[in-house]
Amino acid sequence: MGVLKAKVGDIFTSKQCGEFIVVEYINSANVVVKFIDTGYETITRHSQVLSGQVKDRSLPSVYGVGVIGDSYSCWDGSKIRKEYHLWSSMLERCYSPKSHKARETYIGCTVSENFKSYTYFYEWCNQQVGFSENNFELDKDLLSGVSKYYSEGTCVFLPQEINVALIKQNKKRGDFPVGVTYHKNTGNFVAQLSTSTGRKHVGAFNNVIDAFAAYKKAKETYLVELAEKWKGKIDDRAYEALMNYEVDIDD
């Protein structure tokens, strides 16, 4: 015959998180338990105690590194919270082998110890300029160059228009510098700039160096224009980074 009622001091085994002990039985909807290995305490239902469905939210359960904690829910009652979606997606990009097969550029990316905590990330997001705005995206590259590290010092929220302008498509570039293509029919090196309204023809040149120089000037000018357009609506750090952005031939 199975256990009909858990008593204080009874030890059970969670299906995922190890053994826990019943600390207090208030009623069937409120049973206080404590995980033996971590000391994490939580209140759960009696039925979950008996079935082993209790979870230790202090363990790194999200992609092997992320700790959800008890402070904030992942769900607002109708949909996944924006904070949790951003957090779990960030961890997936960095730590999911399946994700790496689809997006190889994220291989080697890591997350700061603080950002592995959903509680910390949630609170950090709500202190950032642009987080509450529509079409603003989490960026890790602008403040630090090409970064493989998500942290408070490298991340900022940017409007999609700016984020798109900063994307570097190494796979599609070929043998020439960023912004430069070679046209066999004319024998010219053509510089083109991607903007929010489409591709802009910068010029055609006899050599790749001149073509890249023209692209570099056009791209840096465009980013300054975007900085001025969004001034006051983006983080001051992002504004300064855009104003001082330098395109490198190896980008």
Protein backbone atom coordinates (compact mmCIF):
# COMPACT_ATOMS: atom_id res chain seq x y z
CA MET A 1 0.00 0.00 0.00
CA GLY A 2 1.39 3.41 -0.98
CA VAL A 3 1.91 6.42 1.26
CA LEU A 4 -1.42 8.13 1.90
CA LYS A 5 -0.08 11.21 3.64
CA ALA A 6 3.39 12.66 3.88
CA LYS A 7 4.55 13.41 7.41
CA VAL A 8 7.16 15.81 8.72
CA GLY A 9 10.54 14.11 8.45
CA ASP A 10 9.56 11.83 5.56
CA ILE A 11 12.09 11.74 2.74
CA PHE A 12 11.07 11.50 -0.91
CA THR A 13 12.95 11.49 -4.20
CA SER A 14 12.28 14.03 -6.92
CA LYS A 15 12.26 12.69 -10.46
CA GLN A 16 14.86 15.25 -11.51
CA CYS A 17 16.42 16.93 -8.49
CA GLY A 18 17.36 14.42 -5.81
CA GLU A 19 16.01 13.74 -2.32
CA PHE A 20 13.92 16.14 -0.28
CA ILE A 21 12.47 16.05 3.22
CA VAL A 22 9.08 17.23 4.42
CA VAL A 23 9.65 20.16 6.78
CA GLU A 24 6.05 21.19 7.50
CA TYR A 25 2.63 19.94 6.49
CA ILE A 26 0.14 22.81 6.50
CA ASN A 27 -2.53 21.27 4.30
CA SER A 28 -2.72 19.28 1.07
CA ALA A 29 -2.07 22.41 -1.02
CA ASN A 30 0.80 23.70 1.12
CA VAL A 31 3.58 21.32 2.07
CA VAL A 32 6.99 22.77 2.92
CA VAL A 33 9.87 20.64 1.67
CA LYS A 34 13.65 21.01 1.70
CA PHE A 35 16.09 19.46 -0.75
CA ILE A 36 18.81 17.60 1.12
CA ASP A 37 21.73 18.31 -1.22
CA THR A 38 21.20 22.04 -1.74
CA GLY A 39 19.11 23.18 1.23
CA TYR A 40 16.56 24.73 -1.14
CA GLU A 41 13.09 25.06 0.43
CA THR A 42 9.80 25.44 -1.37
CA ILE A 43 6.07 25.02 -0.83
CA THR A 44 4.31 22.48 -3.00
CA ARG A 45 1.20 20.34 -3.19
CA HIS A 46 0.92 17.03 -1.36
CA SER A 47 0.23 15.21 -4.63
CA GLN A 48 3.48 16.53 -6.10
CA VAL A 49 5.39 15.34 -3.06
CA LEU A 50 4.07 11.81 -3.51
CA SER A 51 4.66 11.78 -7.28
CA GLY A 52 8.17 13.27 -7.08
CA GLN A 53 7.25 16.25 -9.23
CA VAL A 54 8.87 18.81 -6.91
CA LYS A 55 11.67 20.83 -8.53
CA ASP A 56 14.75 22.34 -6.95
CA ARG A 57 14.77 25.77 -8.57
CA SER A 58 18.23 26.53 -7.21
CA LEU A 59 19.78 23.99 -9.58
CA PRO A 60 21.08 24.89 -13.07
CA SER A 61 18.16 23.30 -14.90
CA VAL A 62 18.01 25.42 -18.07
CA TYR A 63 20.48 24.18 -20.71
CA GLY A 64 22.64 22.87 -17.90
CA VAL A 65 23.62 26.33 -16.59
CA GLY A 66 20.55 28.51 -15.98
CA VAL A 67 19.07 28.84 -12.50
CA ILE A 68 15.41 29.89 -12.49
CA GLY A 69 15.03 30.63 -8.78
CA ASP A 70 11.82 31.58 -6.97
CA SER A 71 11.67 35.34 -7.40
CA TYR A 72 9.96 35.68 -10.78
CA SER A 73 7.59 33.53 -12.77
CA CYS A 74 8.40 32.44 -16.30
CA TRP A 75 4.74 32.74 -17.24
CA ASP A 76 2.41 35.72 -16.81
CA GLY A 77 -0.79 33.67 -16.99
CA SER A 78 -1.27 33.92 -20.74
CA LYS A 79 2.20 33.84 -22.31
CA ILE A 80 5.89 33.42 -21.60
CA ARG A 81 7.32 36.52 -19.99
CA LYS A 82 9.58 38.62 -22.19
CA GLU A 83 12.37 38.40 -19.61
CA TYR A 84 12.26 34.61 -19.56
CA HIS A 85 12.07 34.34 -23.34
CA LEU A 86 15.17 36.52 -23.72
CA TRP A 87 16.99 34.65 -20.97
CA SER A 88 16.26 31.13 -22.14
CA SER A 89 16.94 32.04 -25.78
CA MET A 90 20.31 33.50 -24.79
CA LEU A 91 21.23 30.32 -22.92
CA GLU A 92 20.04 28.18 -25.82
CA ARG A 93 22.27 30.05 -28.29
CA CYS A 94 25.27 29.56 -26.02
CA TYR A 95 24.82 26.09 -24.56
CA SER A 96 22.57 24.03 -26.82
CA PRO A 97 24.42 21.65 -29.20
CA LYS A 98 21.26 21.43 -31.29
CA SER A 99 21.19 25.20 -31.66
CA HIS A 100 24.86 25.25 -32.65
CA LYS A 101 24.16 22.94 -35.59
CA ALA A 102 21.75 25.51 -36.98
CA ARG A 103 23.72 28.63 -35.99
CA GLU A 104 27.44 27.92 -35.94
CA THR A 105 28.34 31.54 -35.21
CA TYR A 106 27.22 31.01 -31.61
CA ILE A 107 29.65 28.16 -30.96
CA GLY A 108 31.96 29.30 -28.17
CA CYS A 109 29.56 31.93 -26.82
CA THR A 110 29.22 32.08 -23.04
CA VAL A 111 27.14 33.87 -20.41
CA SER A 112 28.37 35.66 -17.29
CA GLU A 113 27.72 34.03 -13.93
CA ASN A 114 25.20 36.77 -13.09
CA PHE A 115 23.31 36.26 -16.34
CA LYS A 116 22.95 32.54 -15.58
CA SER A 117 20.51 33.60 -12.86
CA TYR A 118 16.99 34.31 -14.14
CA THR A 119 16.37 36.50 -11.09
CA TYR A 120 19.38 38.67 -11.84
CA PHE A 121 18.68 38.83 -15.58
CA TYR A 122 15.03 39.72 -14.97
CA GLU A 123 15.95 42.65 -12.73
CA TRP A 124 18.77 43.76 -15.05
CA CYS A 125 16.41 43.85 -18.04
CA ASN A 126 13.92 46.04 -16.22
CA GLN A 127 16.64 48.60 -15.48
CA GLN A 128 17.79 48.90 -19.10
CA VAL A 129 16.95 51.66 -21.58
CA GLY A 130 14.85 50.26 -24.40
CA PHE A 131 13.82 47.00 -22.75
CA SER A 132 10.14 47.95 -22.55
CA GLU A 133 10.07 49.26 -26.12
CA ASN A 134 8.68 47.27 -29.03
CA ASN A 135 11.18 46.10 -31.66
CA PHE A 136 14.19 46.55 -29.38
CA GLU A 137 16.53 43.55 -29.31
CA LEU A 138 19.26 42.29 -26.98
CA ASP A 139 22.70 42.93 -28.53
CA LYS A 140 26.07 41.70 -27.26
CA ASP A 141 28.41 43.05 -29.96
CA LEU A 142 28.15 46.84 -30.22
CA LEU A 143 29.72 47.70 -26.87
CA SER A 144 32.59 45.26 -27.14
CA GLY A 145 33.24 44.69 -30.84
CA VAL A 146 32.52 41.14 -31.95
CA SER A 147 31.86 39.50 -28.61
CA LYS A 148 31.09 35.92 -27.66
CA TYR A 149 30.17 36.91 -24.12
CA TYR A 150 26.78 37.93 -22.75
CA SER A 151 27.13 40.11 -19.66
CA GLU A 152 26.12 43.42 -18.11
CA GLY A 153 29.11 45.08 -19.71
CA THR A 154 28.59 43.74 -23.22
CA CYS A 155 24.81 43.75 -23.59
CA VAL A 156 22.46 46.56 -24.48
CA PHE A 157 19.00 46.87 -26.03
CA LEU A 158 18.91 48.29 -29.55
CA PRO A 159 16.09 49.05 -31.97
CA GLN A 160 15.85 46.48 -34.72
CA GLU A 161 16.93 49.09 -37.29
CA ILE A 162 20.32 49.48 -35.58
CA ASN A 163 20.72 45.80 -34.79
CA VAL A 164 20.21 44.86 -38.43
CA ALA A 165 22.76 47.47 -39.51
CA LEU A 166 25.37 45.81 -37.28
CA ILE A 167 24.88 42.24 -38.52
CA LYS A 168 27.96 40.74 -40.10
CA GLN A 169 27.29 37.99 -42.63
CA ASN A 170 30.67 36.35 -42.94
CA LYS A 171 29.35 33.30 -44.78
CA LYS A 172 27.88 35.37 -47.61
CA ARG A 173 30.88 37.64 -48.07
CA GLY A 174 33.13 35.43 -50.16
CA ASP A 175 36.75 36.38 -50.76
CA PHE A 176 36.33 40.14 -50.55
CA PRO A 177 36.08 42.59 -47.63
CA VAL A 178 32.75 43.41 -46.08
CA GLY A 179 30.57 45.58 -48.34
CA VAL A 180 32.52 44.72 -51.51
CA THR A 181 31.59 42.47 -54.43
CA TYR A 182 33.30 41.87 -57.76
CA HIS A 183 31.38 42.18 -61.02
CA LYS A 184 32.90 40.05 -63.76
CA ASN A 185 31.01 41.79 -66.56
CA THR A 186 32.48 45.19 -65.79
CA GLY A 187 35.66 44.18 -64.01
CA ASN A 188 34.77 46.57 -61.20
CA PHE A 189 34.71 46.19 -57.44
CA VAL A 190 31.34 47.44 -56.25
CA ALA A 191 30.66 48.84 -52.78
CA GLN A 192 27.13 48.47 -51.42
CA LEU A 193 25.61 49.36 -48.07
CA SER A 194 22.62 47.63 -46.44
CA THR A 195 20.21 50.10 -44.84
CA SER A 196 16.76 49.87 -43.32
CA THR A 197 15.26 50.87 -46.68
CA GLY A 198 17.29 48.41 -48.77
CA ARG A 199 20.70 48.15 -50.37
CA LYS A 200 22.41 51.41 -51.32
CA HIS A 201 24.92 51.60 -54.18
CA VAL A 202 28.04 53.38 -52.94
CA GLY A 203 30.20 53.18 -56.06
CA ALA A 204 32.23 51.09 -58.50
CA PHE A 205 36.02 51.02 -58.31
CA ASN A 206 39.04 49.61 -60.11
CA ASN A 207 40.48 47.97 -57.00
CA VAL A 208 39.23 46.35 -53.84
CA ILE A 209 40.99 48.78 -51.48
CA ASP A 210 39.20 51.83 -52.89
CA ALA A 211 35.90 49.97 -52.86
CA PHE A 212 36.29 49.02 -49.22
CA ALA A 213 37.36 52.55 -48.26
CA ALA A 214 34.16 53.90 -49.82
CA TYR A 215 32.05 51.30 -48.07
CA LYS A 216 33.77 52.01 -44.75
CA LYS A 217 33.05 55.73 -44.99
CA ALA A 218 29.43 55.14 -46.01
CA LYS A 219 28.80 52.59 -43.25
CA GLU A 220 30.31 54.72 -40.50
CA THR A 221 28.33 57.75 -41.71
CA TYR A 222 25.14 55.69 -41.72
CA LEU A 223 25.73 54.49 -38.16
CA VAL A 224 26.26 58.08 -37.01
CA GLU A 225 22.94 58.98 -38.65
CA LEU A 226 21.24 56.15 -36.78
CA ALA A 227 22.87 57.25 -33.52
CA GLU A 228 21.49 60.76 -33.95
CA LYS A 229 18.09 59.44 -34.99
CA TRP A 230 17.78 57.34 -31.83
CA LYS A 231 19.60 59.67 -29.45
CA GLY A 232 17.78 59.86 -26.13
CA LYS A 233 15.93 56.62 -26.84
CA ILE A 234 18.91 54.28 -26.60
CA ASP A 235 21.47 53.70 -23.87
CA ASP A 236 24.13 56.43 -23.76
CA ARG A 237 26.77 53.71 -24.12
CA ALA A 238 25.17 52.57 -27.36
CA TYR A 239 25.01 56.14 -28.68
CA GLU A 240 28.71 56.70 -28.00
CA ALA A 241 29.64 53.35 -29.53
CA LEU A 242 27.75 54.14 -32.72
CA MET A 243 29.28 57.61 -32.96
CA ASN A 244 32.77 56.11 -32.68
CA TYR A 245 32.19 52.90 -34.63
CA GLU A 246 35.00 51.91 -36.97
CA VAL A 247 34.57 49.41 -39.77
CA ASP A 248 37.58 47.13 -40.12
CA ILE A 249 38.59 45.39 -43.33
CA ASP A 250 38.59 42.08 -41.42
CA ASP A 251 35.05 42.54 -40.09
